[in-house]
PDB file of N, CA and C in Angstrom:
ATOM      1  N   MET A   1     118.397 248.327 187.900  1.00  0.00           N
ATOM      2  CA  MET A   1     117.720 249.570 188.191  1.00  0.00           C
ATOM      3  C   MET A   1     116.224 249.308 188.279  1.00  0.00           C
ATOM      4  N   LYS A   2     115.606 249.889 189.269  1.00  0.00           N
ATOM      5  CA  LYS A   2     114.160 249.755 189.442  1.00  0.00           C
ATOM      6  C   LYS A   2     113.441 250.775 188.571  1.00  0.00           C
ATOM      7  N   ARG A   3     112.218 250.438 188.224  1.00  0.00           N
ATOM      8  CA  ARG A   3     111.416 251.282 187.339  1.00  0.00           C
ATOM      9  C   ARG A   3     111.262 252.705 187.900  1.00  0.00           C
ATOM     10  N   GLU A   4     111.029 252.820 189.197  1.00  0.00           N
ATOM     11  CA  GLU A   4     110.839 254.140 189.800  1.00  0.00           C
ATOM     12  C   GLU A   4     112.069 255.020 189.614  1.00  0.00           C
ATOM     13  N   GLN A   5     113.253 254.432 189.771  1.00  0.00           N
ATOM     14  CA  GLN A   5     114.481 255.196 189.584  1.00  0.00           C
ATOM     15  C   GLN A   5     114.633 255.601 188.112  1.00  0.00           C
ATOM     16  N   ALA A   6     114.276 254.705 187.202  1.00  0.00           N
ATOM     17  CA  ALA A   6     114.335 255.027 185.777  1.00  0.00           C
ATOM     18  C   ALA A   6     113.398 256.185 185.440  1.00  0.00           C
ATOM     19  N   GLU A   7     112.216 256.193 186.045  1.00  0.00           N
ATOM     20  CA  GLU A   7     111.267 257.278 185.811  1.00  0.00           C
ATOM     21  C   GLU A   7     111.818 258.605 186.324  1.00  0.00           C
ATOM     22  N   VAL A   8     112.450 258.579 187.497  1.00  0.00           N
ATOM     23  CA  VAL A   8     113.036 259.799 188.062  1.00  0.00           C
ATOM     24  C   VAL A   8     114.122 260.341 187.133  1.00  0.00           C
ATOM     25  N   ILE A   9     114.976 259.457 186.648  1.00  0.00           N
ATOM     26  CA  ILE A   9     116.042 259.885 185.734  1.00  0.00           C
ATOM     27  C   ILE A   9     115.446 260.493 184.468  1.00  0.00           C
ATOM     28  N   ALA A  10     114.410 259.861 183.928  1.00  0.00           N
ATOM     29  CA  ALA A  10     113.776 260.372 182.711  1.00  0.00           C
ATOM     30  C   ALA A  10     113.161 261.748 182.940  1.00  0.00           C
ATOM     31  N   LEU A  11     112.493 261.927 184.061  1.00  0.00           N
ATOM     32  CA  LEU A  11     111.876 263.219 184.338  1.00  0.00           C
ATOM     33  C   LEU A  11     112.930 264.297 184.591  1.00  0.00           C
ATOM     34  N   GLN A  12     114.018 263.924 185.244  1.00  0.00           N
ATOM     35  CA  GLN A  12     115.105 264.875 185.425  1.00  0.00           C
ATOM     36  C   GLN A  12     115.736 265.235 184.081  1.00  0.00           C
ATOM     37  N   ALA A  13     115.874 264.251 183.213  1.00  0.00           N
ATOM     38  CA  ALA A  13     116.425 264.515 181.877  1.00  0.00           C
ATOM     39  C   ALA A  13     115.495 265.435 181.089  1.00  0.00           C
ATOM     40  N   LEU A  14     114.199 265.227 181.211  1.00  0.00           N
ATOM     41  CA  LEU A  14     113.243 266.101 180.538  1.00  0.00           C
ATOM     42  C   LEU A  14     113.379 267.533 181.045  1.00  0.00           C
ATOM     43  N   GLY A  15     113.506 267.693 182.350  1.00  0.00           N
ATOM     44  CA  GLY A  15     113.721 269.020 182.918  1.00  0.00           C
ATOM     45  C   GLY A  15     115.019 269.642 182.450  1.00  0.00           C
ATOM     46  N   TRP A  16     116.059 268.824 182.366  1.00  0.00           N
ATOM     47  CA  TRP A  16     117.357 269.301 181.896  1.00  0.00           C
ATOM     48  C   TRP A  16     117.257 269.784 180.447  1.00  0.00           C
ATOM     49  N   LEU A  17     116.561 269.003 179.623  1.00  0.00           N
ATOM     50  CA  LEU A  17     116.380 269.399 178.225  1.00  0.00           C
ATOM     51  C   LEU A  17     115.570 270.688 178.123  1.00  0.00           C
ATOM     52  N   ALA A  18     114.508 270.783 178.920  1.00  0.00           N
ATOM     53  CA  ALA A  18     113.642 271.971 178.871  1.00  0.00           C
ATOM     54  C   ALA A  18     114.403 273.235 179.273  1.00  0.00           C
ATOM     55  N   ALA A  19     115.388 273.087 180.135  1.00  0.00           N
ATOM     56  CA  ALA A  19     116.175 274.232 180.593  1.00  0.00           C
ATOM     57  C   ALA A  19     117.302 274.597 179.621  1.00  0.00           C
ATOM     58  N   ASN A  20     117.529 273.754 178.622  1.00  0.00           N
ATOM     59  CA  ASN A  20     118.606 273.975 177.665  1.00  0.00           C
ATOM     60  C   ASN A  20     118.029 274.652 176.415  1.00  0.00           C
ATOM     61  N   ASP A  21     118.312 275.938 176.275  1.00  0.00           N
ATOM     62  CA  ASP A  21     117.738 276.724 175.177  1.00  0.00           C
ATOM     63  C   ASP A  21     118.121 276.218 173.793  1.00  0.00           C
ATOM     64  N   GLU A  22     119.271 275.576 173.676  1.00  0.00           N
ATOM     65  CA  GLU A  22     119.702 275.065 172.369  1.00  0.00           C
ATOM     66  C   GLU A  22     119.089 273.705 172.059  1.00  0.00           C
ATOM     67  N   LEU A  23     119.030 272.815 173.045  1.00  0.00           N
ATOM     68  CA  LEU A  23     118.546 271.451 172.805  1.00  0.00           C
ATOM     69  C   LEU A  23     117.028 271.317 172.831  1.00  0.00           C
ATOM     70  N   TRP A  24     116.352 272.164 173.602  1.00  0.00           N
ATOM     71  CA  TRP A  24     114.902 272.026 173.758  1.00  0.00           C
ATOM     72  C   TRP A  24     114.170 272.038 172.415  1.00  0.00           C
ATOM     73  N   PRO A  25     114.417 273.010 171.524  1.00  0.00           N
ATOM     74  CA  PRO A  25     113.714 272.971 170.241  1.00  0.00           C
ATOM     75  C   PRO A  25     114.115 271.773 169.378  1.00  0.00           C
ATOM     76  N   VAL A  26     115.341 271.319 169.514  1.00  0.00           N
ATOM     77  CA  VAL A  26     115.783 270.142 168.768  1.00  0.00           C
ATOM     78  C   VAL A  26     115.016 268.916 169.261  1.00  0.00           C
ATOM     79  N   PHE A  27     114.894 268.779 170.578  1.00  0.00           N
ATOM     80  CA  PHE A  27     114.140 267.660 171.138  1.00  0.00           C
ATOM     81  C   PHE A  27     112.681 267.707 170.695  1.00  0.00           C
ATOM     82  N   LEU A  28     112.054 268.872 170.802  1.00  0.00           N
ATOM     83  CA  LEU A  28     110.652 268.985 170.392  1.00  0.00           C
ATOM     84  C   LEU A  28     110.484 268.627 168.922  1.00  0.00           C
ATOM     85  N   GLY A  29     111.395 269.084 168.084  1.00  0.00           N
ATOM     86  CA  GLY A  29     111.316 268.778 166.661  1.00  0.00           C
ATOM     87  C   GLY A  29     111.501 267.307 166.364  1.00  0.00           C
ATOM     88  N   SER A  30     112.420 266.677 167.072  1.00  0.00           N
ATOM     89  CA  SER A  30     112.681 265.262 166.789  1.00  0.00           C
ATOM     90  C   SER A  30     111.616 264.351 167.387  1.00  0.00           C
ATOM     91  N   SER A  31     111.009 264.764 168.485  1.00  0.00           N
ATOM     92  CA  SER A  31     109.998 263.918 169.126  1.00  0.00           C
ATOM     93  C   SER A  31     108.611 264.142 168.550  1.00  0.00           C
ATOM     94  N   GLY A  32     108.416 265.291 167.911  1.00  0.00           N
ATOM     95  CA  GLY A  32     107.095 265.616 167.391  1.00  0.00           C
ATOM     96  C   GLY A  32     106.144 266.092 168.471  1.00  0.00           C
ATOM     97  N   ALA A  33     106.644 266.248 169.684  1.00  0.00           N
ATOM     98  CA  ALA A  33     105.808 266.692 170.802  1.00  0.00           C
ATOM     99  C   ALA A  33     105.745 268.204 170.835  1.00  0.00           C
ATOM    100  N   ALA A  34     104.613 268.713 171.240  1.00  0.00           N
ATOM    101  CA  ALA A  34     104.472 270.143 171.483  1.00  0.00           C
ATOM    102  C   ALA A  34     104.701 270.382 172.969  1.00  0.00           C
ATOM    103  N   ALA A  35     105.265 271.520 173.301  1.00  0.00           N
ATOM    104  CA  ALA A  35     105.560 271.822 174.696  1.00  0.00           C
ATOM    105  C   ALA A  35     104.310 271.706 175.563  1.00  0.00           C
ATOM    106  N   GLU A  36     103.165 272.042 175.009  1.00  0.00           N
ATOM    107  CA  GLU A  36     101.910 271.977 175.755  1.00  0.00           C
ATOM    108  C   GLU A  36     101.501 270.541 176.088  1.00  0.00           C
ATOM    109  N   ASP A  37     101.931 269.576 175.297  1.00  0.00           N
ATOM    110  CA  ASP A  37     101.562 268.171 175.497  1.00  0.00           C
ATOM    111  C   ASP A  37     102.418 267.469 176.542  1.00  0.00           C
ATOM    112  N   LEU A  38     103.518 268.078 176.935  1.00  0.00           N
ATOM    113  CA  LEU A  38     104.486 267.378 177.770  1.00  0.00           C
ATOM    114  C   LEU A  38     103.946 267.022 179.149  1.00  0.00           C
ATOM    115  N   ARG A  39     103.121 267.873 179.722  1.00  0.00           N
ATOM    116  CA  ARG A  39     102.556 267.539 181.036  1.00  0.00           C
ATOM    117  C   ARG A  39     101.743 266.256 180.972  1.00  0.00           C
ATOM    118  N   ASP A  40     100.985 266.096 179.896  1.00  0.00           N
ATOM    119  CA  ASP A  40     100.157 264.895 179.748  1.00  0.00           C
ATOM    120  C   ASP A  40     100.998 263.660 179.471  1.00  0.00           C
ATOM    121  N   ARG A  41     102.056 263.810 178.722  1.00  0.00           N
ATOM    122  CA  ARG A  41     102.845 262.654 178.285  1.00  0.00           C
ATOM    123  C   ARG A  41     104.008 262.326 179.204  1.00  0.00           C
ATOM    124  N   ALA A  42     104.401 263.242 180.067  1.00  0.00           N
ATOM    125  CA  ALA A  42     105.588 263.053 180.901  1.00  0.00           C
ATOM    126  C   ALA A  42     105.508 261.805 181.772  1.00  0.00           C
ATOM    127  N   GLY A  43     104.326 261.367 182.128  1.00  0.00           N
ATOM    128  CA  GLY A  43     104.167 260.181 182.966  1.00  0.00           C
ATOM    129  C   GLY A  43     104.138 258.868 182.205  1.00  0.00           C
ATOM    130  N   GLU A  44     104.158 258.922 180.880  1.00  0.00           N
ATOM    131  CA  GLU A  44     104.106 257.711 180.053  1.00  0.00           C
ATOM    132  C   GLU A  44     105.504 257.115 179.894  1.00  0.00           C
ATOM    133  N   ALA A  45     105.614 255.823 180.161  1.00  0.00           N
ATOM    134  CA  ALA A  45     106.914 255.146 180.066  1.00  0.00           C
ATOM    135  C   ALA A  45     107.500 255.260 178.662  1.00  0.00           C
ATOM    136  N   GLU A  46     106.670 255.147 177.647  1.00  0.00           N
ATOM    137  CA  GLU A  46     107.164 255.236 176.270  1.00  0.00           C
ATOM    138  C   GLU A  46     107.761 256.618 175.991  1.00  0.00           C
ATOM    139  N   PHE A  47     107.098 257.660 176.467  1.00  0.00           N
ATOM    140  CA  PHE A  47     107.622 259.006 176.268  1.00  0.00           C
ATOM    141  C   PHE A  47     108.900 259.211 177.073  1.00  0.00           C
ATOM    142  N   GLN A  48     108.922 258.732 178.303  1.00  0.00           N
ATOM    143  CA  GLN A  48     110.126 258.832 179.127  1.00  0.00           C
ATOM    144  C   GLN A  48     111.300 258.134 178.453  1.00  0.00           C
ATOM    145  N   ALA A  49     111.046 256.973 177.881  1.00  0.00           N
ATOM    146  CA  ALA A  49     112.109 256.254 177.169  1.00  0.00           C
ATOM    147  C   ALA A  49     112.602 257.066 175.978  1.00  0.00           C
ATOM    148  N   SER A  50     111.674 257.749 175.281  1.00  0.00           N
ATOM    149  CA  SER A  50     112.089 258.547 174.121  1.00  0.00           C
ATOM    150  C   SER A  50     112.926 259.749 174.550  1.00  0.00           C
ATOM    151  N   VAL A  51     112.646 260.310 175.725  1.00  0.00           N
ATOM    152  CA  VAL A  51     113.469 261.402 176.257  1.00  0.00           C
ATOM    153  C   VAL A  51     114.895 260.905 176.460  1.00  0.00           C
ATOM    154  N   LEU A  52     115.019 259.746 177.084  1.00  0.00           N
ATOM    155  CA  LEU A  52     116.348 259.197 177.361  1.00  0.00           C
ATOM    156  C   LEU A  52     117.038 258.728 176.093  1.00  0.00           C
ATOM    157  N   GLU A  53     116.278 258.222 175.155  1.00  0.00           N
ATOM    158  CA  GLU A  53     116.866 257.818 173.881  1.00  0.00           C
ATOM    159  C   GLU A  53     117.446 259.042 173.166  1.00  0.00           C
ATOM    160  N   PHE A  54     116.728 260.150 173.191  1.00  0.00           N
ATOM    161  CA  PHE A  54     117.242 261.386 172.595  1.00  0.00           C
ATOM    162  C   PHE A  54     118.509 261.833 173.313  1.00  0.00           C
ATOM    163  N   LEU A  55     118.471 261.858 174.632  1.00  0.00           N
ATOM    164  CA  LEU A  55     119.625 262.307 175.414  1.00  0.00           C
ATOM    165  C   LEU A  55     120.866 261.478 175.102  1.00  0.00           C
ATOM    166  N   THR A  56     120.694 260.166 174.966  1.00  0.00           N
ATOM    167  CA  THR A  56     121.843 259.279 174.778  1.00  0.00           C
ATOM    168  C   THR A  56     122.368 259.271 173.347  1.00  0.00           C
ATOM    169  N   MET A  57     121.812 260.100 172.489  1.00  0.00           N
ATOM    170  CA  MET A  57     122.335 260.205 171.126  1.00  0.00           C
ATOM    171  C   MET A  57     123.681 260.922 171.088  1.00  0.00           C
ATOM    172  N   ASP A  58     124.008 261.663 172.139  1.00  0.00           N
ATOM    173  CA  ASP A  58     125.232 262.449 172.131  1.00  0.00           C
ATOM    174  C   ASP A  58     125.954 262.302 173.469  1.00  0.00           C
ATOM    175  N   ASP A  59     127.208 261.876 173.427  1.00  0.00           N
ATOM    176  CA  ASP A  59     127.982 261.677 174.660  1.00  0.00           C
ATOM    177  C   ASP A  59     128.122 262.965 175.462  1.00  0.00           C
ATOM    178  N   GLY A  60     128.231 264.092 174.785  1.00  0.00           N
ATOM    179  CA  GLY A  60     128.354 265.371 175.482  1.00  0.00           C
ATOM    180  C   GLY A  60     127.107 265.711 176.273  1.00  0.00           C
ATOM    181  N   TRP A  61     125.945 265.396 175.709  1.00  0.00           N
ATOM    182  CA  TRP A  61     124.685 265.642 176.424  1.00  0.00           C
ATOM    183  C   TRP A  61     124.602 264.751 177.657  1.00  0.00           C
ATOM    184  N   VAL A  62     124.973 263.475 177.480  1.00  0.00           N
ATOM    185  CA  VAL A  62     124.942 262.529 178.602  1.00  0.00           C
ATOM    186  C   VAL A  62     125.878 263.011 179.707  1.00  0.00           C
ATOM    187  N   THR A  63     127.069 263.388 179.328  1.00  0.00           N
ATOM    188  CA  THR A  63     128.054 263.846 180.308  1.00  0.00           C
ATOM    189  C   THR A  63     127.546 265.073 181.055  1.00  0.00           C
ATOM    190  N   ALA A  64     127.024 266.047 180.332  1.00  0.00           N
ATOM    191  CA  ALA A  64     126.531 267.270 180.963  1.00  0.00           C
ATOM    192  C   ALA A  64     125.360 266.976 181.904  1.00  0.00           C
ATOM    193  N   PHE A  65     124.427 266.163 181.446  1.00  0.00           N
ATOM    194  CA  PHE A  65     123.282 265.818 182.293  1.00  0.00           C
ATOM    195  C   PHE A  65     123.729 265.064 183.542  1.00  0.00           C
ATOM    196  N   CYS A  66     124.526 264.036 183.359  1.00  0.00           N
ATOM    197  CA  CYS A  66     124.958 263.200 184.488  1.00  0.00           C
ATOM    198  C   CYS A  66     125.830 263.980 185.474  1.00  0.00           C
ATOM    199  N   ASP A  67     126.698 264.817 184.970  1.00  0.00           N
ATOM    200  CA  ASP A  67     127.528 265.627 185.858  1.00  0.00           C
ATOM    201  C   ASP A  67     126.651 266.549 186.708  1.00  0.00           C
ATOM    202  N   GLY A  68     125.636 267.129 186.097  1.00  0.00           N
ATOM    203  CA  GLY A  68     124.751 268.028 186.820  1.00  0.00           C
ATOM    204  C   GLY A  68     123.821 267.327 187.793  1.00  0.00           C
ATOM    205  N   ALA A  69     123.408 266.120 187.442  1.00  0.00           N
ATOM    206  CA  ALA A  69     122.441 265.390 188.266  1.00  0.00           C
ATOM    207  C   ALA A  69     123.093 264.403 189.225  1.00  0.00           C
ATOM    208  N   GLY A  70     124.386 264.158 189.051  1.00  0.00           N
ATOM    209  CA  GLY A  70     125.095 263.251 189.951  1.00  0.00           C
ATOM    210  C   GLY A  70     124.931 261.773 189.625  1.00  0.00           C
ATOM    211  N   TYR A  71     124.728 261.454 188.353  1.00  0.00           N
ATOM    212  CA  TYR A  71     124.570 260.061 187.932  1.00  0.00           C
ATOM    213  C   TYR A  71     125.837 259.547 187.260  1.00  0.00           C
ATOM    214  N   GLU A  72     126.002 258.241 187.295  1.00  0.00           N
ATOM    215  CA  GLU A  72     127.027 257.587 186.484  1.00  0.00           C
ATOM    216  C   GLU A  72     126.614 257.761 185.024  1.00  0.00           C
ATOM    217  N   TYR A  73     127.590 257.749 184.132  1.00  0.00           N
ATOM    218  CA  TYR A  73     127.305 258.028 182.727  1.00  0.00           C
ATOM    219  C   TYR A  73     126.440 256.965 182.037  1.00  0.00           C
ATOM    220  N   ASP A  74     126.366 255.786 182.584  1.00  0.00           N
ATOM    221  CA  ASP A  74     125.523 254.755 181.968  1.00  0.00           C
ATOM    222  C   ASP A  74     124.078 254.783 182.474  1.00  0.00           C
ATOM    223  N   ALA A  75     123.773 255.618 183.455  1.00  0.00           N
ATOM    224  CA  ALA A  75     122.433 255.639 184.053  1.00  0.00           C
ATOM    225  C   ALA A  75     121.321 255.986 183.058  1.00  0.00           C
ATOM    226  N   PRO A  76     121.482 257.002 182.193  1.00  0.00           N
ATOM    227  CA  PRO A  76     120.393 257.292 181.250  1.00  0.00           C
ATOM    228  C   PRO A  76     120.090 256.131 180.296  1.00  0.00           C
ATOM    229  N   HIS A  77     121.124 255.454 179.827  1.00  0.00           N
ATOM    230  CA  HIS A  77     120.901 254.330 178.913  1.00  0.00           C
ATOM    231  C   HIS A  77     120.239 253.161 179.642  1.00  0.00           C
ATOM    232  N   THR A  78     120.698 252.870 180.833  1.00  0.00           N
ATOM    233  CA  THR A  78     120.098 251.800 181.626  1.00  0.00           C
ATOM    234  C   THR A  78     118.639 252.116 181.924  1.00  0.00           C
ATOM    235  N   ALA A  79     118.359 253.372 182.275  1.00  0.00           N
ATOM    236  CA  ALA A  79     116.978 253.783 182.552  1.00  0.00           C
ATOM    237  C   ALA A  79     116.118 253.672 181.297  1.00  0.00           C
ATOM    238  N   MET A  80     116.673 254.063 180.159  1.00  0.00           N
ATOM    239  CA  MET A  80     115.927 253.960 178.905  1.00  0.00           C
ATOM    240  C   MET A  80     115.543 252.522 178.618  1.00  0.00           C
ATOM    241  N   LEU A  81     116.477 251.601 178.811  1.00  0.00           N
ATOM    242  CA  LEU A  81     116.180 250.189 178.573  1.00  0.00           C
ATOM    243  C   LEU A  81     115.123 249.670 179.547  1.00  0.00           C
ATOM    244  N   MET A  82     115.171 250.113 180.783  1.00  0.00           N
ATOM    245  CA  MET A  82     114.176 249.696 181.772  1.00  0.00           C
ATOM    246  C   MET A  82     112.783 250.172 181.355  1.00  0.00           C
ATOM    247  N   LEU A  83     112.690 251.406 180.919  1.00  0.00           N
ATOM    248  CA  LEU A  83     111.392 251.969 180.555  1.00  0.00           C
ATOM    249  C   LEU A  83     110.872 251.436 179.229  1.00  0.00           C
ATOM    250  N   ALA A  84     111.768 251.185 178.291  1.00  0.00           N
ATOM    251  CA  ALA A  84     111.360 250.727 176.961  1.00  0.00           C
ATOM    252  C   ALA A  84     111.044 249.246 176.936  1.00  0.00           C
ATOM    253  N   GLY A  85     111.632 248.498 177.852  1.00  0.00           N
ATOM    254  CA  GLY A  85     111.400 247.064 177.876  1.00  0.00           C
ATOM    255  C   GLY A  85     112.267 246.340 176.863  1.00  0.00           C
ATOM    256  N   PRO A  86     112.061 245.053 176.757  1.00  0.00           N
ATOM    257  CA  PRO A  86     112.923 244.234 175.909  1.00  0.00           C
ATOM    258  C   PRO A  86     112.805 244.527 174.414  1.00  0.00           C
ATOM    259  N   SER A  87     111.771 245.225 173.998  1.00  0.00           N
ATOM    260  CA  SER A  87     111.618 245.498 172.562  1.00  0.00           C
ATOM    261  C   SER A  87     112.722 246.393 172.020  1.00  0.00           C
ATOM    262  N   ARG A  88     113.365 247.169 172.873  1.00  0.00           N
ATOM    263  CA  ARG A  88     114.429 248.062 172.405  1.00  0.00           C
ATOM    264  C   ARG A  88     115.816 247.452 172.573  1.00  0.00           C
ATOM    265  N   MET A  89     115.917 246.276 173.120  1.00  0.00           N
ATOM    266  CA  MET A  89     117.221 245.632 173.287  1.00  0.00           C
ATOM    267  C   MET A  89     117.767 245.269 171.916  1.00  0.00           C
ATOM    268  N   ASN A  90     119.046 245.553 171.721  1.00  0.00           N
ATOM    269  CA  ASN A  90     119.693 245.246 170.456  1.00  0.00           C
ATOM    270  C   ASN A  90     121.061 244.652 170.791  1.00  0.00           C
ATOM    271  N   TRP A  91     121.276 243.434 170.402  1.00  0.00           N
ATOM    272  CA  TRP A  91     122.517 242.739 170.771  1.00  0.00           C
ATOM    273  C   TRP A  91     123.544 242.763 169.658  1.00  0.00           C
ATOM    274  N   THR A  92     123.310 243.550 168.605  1.00  0.00           N
ATOM    275  CA  THR A  92     124.284 243.598 167.520  1.00  0.00           C
ATOM    276  C   THR A  92     125.216 244.762 167.662  1.00  0.00           C
TER     277      THR A  92
END
């Protein structure tokens, strides 16, 4: 996966989370981000990776997002790894 595609997936996931009335406050609470800060941080690879890391915590969230966006179910995780770089790779 190319970086540009990973960024698109992350931004779509952020939009999906923002539109979800139940998950949005959970995401904001877990990320420590304020809704007002998201415009500034949305372009940062580290923040994009954290969006995808949050999304991939639950298979149901991944399924719902991917079904709605037309992605294979492994796309958010692959995109997260692309954006986070090798520091987030875990082989155990």
